[in-house]
Structure formats: structure tokens, C-alpha cells
Amino acid sequence: MTGHPKTASTRCSTDCSFSDIVEAAGVVRRTVYDHFVGRSVLVDGLVADAAEARRHNLTAVTVPGPDAPPDATPAMARFTLAMWPVDDR
């Protein structure tokens, strides 16, 4: 499910219809139905894809060693930068 344009999350709530999701994705219904039998399967796929992307990005975040200063700002910045590409789509 990667590589798609911004999803319906920027234009729909969790109550948006299958048609709303298809329109936001910029494809025709047939394209989506070729891959997903319905809205719930599509949403499950989107959630699984986002969760995997978050796990992948979090593994790339470097954690300071025990001798690092106790400042949480750099750690929060690394976390935010790692999550931004996933959360923004």
C-alpha cells in the first residue's frame, strides 16, 4: 500500500465512505475493488501499512547512550522527524 498519494485522512473522518476514500486516492472504484473487497478491509490494510511504516521508521531513530546528556529535546526531535513522513500521508 505504499507509494500512494495522500490518503483520505486529510479530507475524511473515520466515518467517510468507501467512495470518499476512492475519490481521495484519485483512482476509480474498480481499481480499489481489485485489491480490497470492502471498506473495512481497505481500512485494515491502511492501518497495517501505517503501523509497519512507524515500526520501520522507529528502528532508524538513534537512541543516545548512557553517557549522553539528559536533554530530551534532541530525542524528541529525532522521534518527530522519524514519524512525520508516516503521519503526514
Protein backbone atom coordinates (compact mmCIF):
# COMPACT_ATOMS: atom_id res chain seq x y z
CA MET A 1 0.00 0.00 0.00
CA THR A 2 2.99 2.26 -0.05
CA GLY A 3 3.61 4.83 -2.72
CA HIS A 4 0.06 6.12 -2.82
CA PRO A 5 -0.78 9.83 -2.81
CA LYS A 6 -2.04 11.39 0.39
CA THR A 7 -4.85 9.30 1.77
CA ALA A 8 -8.35 10.32 2.66
CA SER A 9 -7.23 11.13 6.20
CA THR A 10 -6.68 14.74 5.17
CA ARG A 11 -10.22 15.04 3.83
CA CYS A 12 -12.29 12.44 5.67
CA SER A 13 -13.08 11.43 9.17
CA THR A 14 -13.23 7.83 10.28
CA ASP A 15 -16.85 7.84 9.10
CA CYS A 16 -16.07 8.59 5.46
CA SER A 17 -17.50 6.26 2.87
CA PHE A 18 -15.68 3.87 0.57
CA SER A 19 -16.47 6.29 -2.29
CA ASP A 20 -14.87 9.16 -0.34
CA ILE A 21 -11.70 7.10 0.16
CA VAL A 22 -11.58 6.12 -3.51
CA GLU A 23 -12.03 9.74 -4.58
CA ALA A 24 -9.36 10.99 -2.19
CA ALA A 25 -6.95 8.36 -3.52
CA GLY A 26 -7.56 9.63 -7.05
CA VAL A 27 -8.47 6.25 -8.55
CA VAL A 28 -11.62 4.56 -9.80
CA ARG A 29 -13.67 2.20 -7.64
CA ARG A 30 -12.74 -0.80 -9.79
CA THR A 31 -9.05 -0.27 -9.02
CA VAL A 32 -9.73 -0.38 -5.30
CA TYR A 33 -12.14 -3.32 -5.55
CA ASP A 34 -9.45 -5.28 -7.43
CA HIS A 35 -7.37 -5.13 -4.24
CA PHE A 36 -9.92 -4.79 -1.42
CA VAL A 37 -13.35 -6.40 -1.06
CA GLY A 38 -14.73 -3.54 1.00
CA ARG A 39 -14.12 -0.52 3.19
CA SER A 40 -13.23 -2.46 6.34
CA VAL A 41 -10.56 -4.49 4.53
CA LEU A 42 -9.18 -1.29 2.98
CA VAL A 43 -9.06 0.47 6.36
CA ASP A 44 -7.42 -2.58 7.96
CA GLY A 45 -4.80 -2.51 5.20
CA LEU A 46 -4.16 1.20 5.69
CA VAL A 47 -3.78 0.73 9.44
CA ALA A 48 -1.42 -2.23 8.98
CA ASP A 49 0.64 -0.28 6.43
CA ALA A 50 0.90 2.75 8.72
CA ALA A 51 1.86 0.59 11.70
CA GLU A 52 4.59 -1.14 9.70
CA ALA A 53 5.89 2.20 8.43
CA ARG A 54 6.00 3.55 12.00
CA ARG A 55 7.89 0.45 13.21
CA HIS A 56 10.34 0.78 10.36
CA ASN A 57 10.93 4.48 10.99
CA LEU A 58 11.33 3.97 14.73
CA THR A 59 14.08 1.43 14.21
CA ALA A 60 16.03 4.14 12.39
CA VAL A 61 15.88 6.51 15.38
CA THR A 62 19.17 6.54 17.22
CA VAL A 63 18.97 6.30 20.98
CA PRO A 64 21.65 8.14 22.94
CA GLY A 65 23.94 6.03 25.06
CA PRO A 66 24.09 6.11 28.86
CA ASP A 67 26.74 8.85 28.80
CA ALA A 68 24.55 11.23 26.76
CA PRO A 69 23.25 14.39 28.42
CA PRO A 70 19.76 14.03 29.91
CA ASP A 71 18.26 16.59 27.49
CA ALA A 72 15.10 15.15 25.96
CA THR A 73 14.87 17.77 23.20
CA PRO A 74 17.16 16.01 20.69
CA ALA A 75 15.41 12.68 21.33
CA MET A 76 12.00 14.26 20.76
CA ALA A 77 13.27 15.91 17.58
CA ARG A 78 14.57 12.57 16.25
CA PHE A 79 11.26 10.89 17.10
CA THR A 80 9.22 13.65 15.43
CA LEU A 81 11.36 13.61 12.29
CA ALA A 82 11.05 9.82 12.08
CA MET A 83 7.26 9.86 12.45
CA TRP A 84 6.50 12.89 10.27
CA PRO A 85 6.63 11.14 6.88
CA VAL A 86 4.26 8.41 8.10
CA ASP A 87 1.83 10.65 9.95
CA ASP A 88 1.70 13.21 7.14
CA ARG A 89 0.42 10.85 4.49
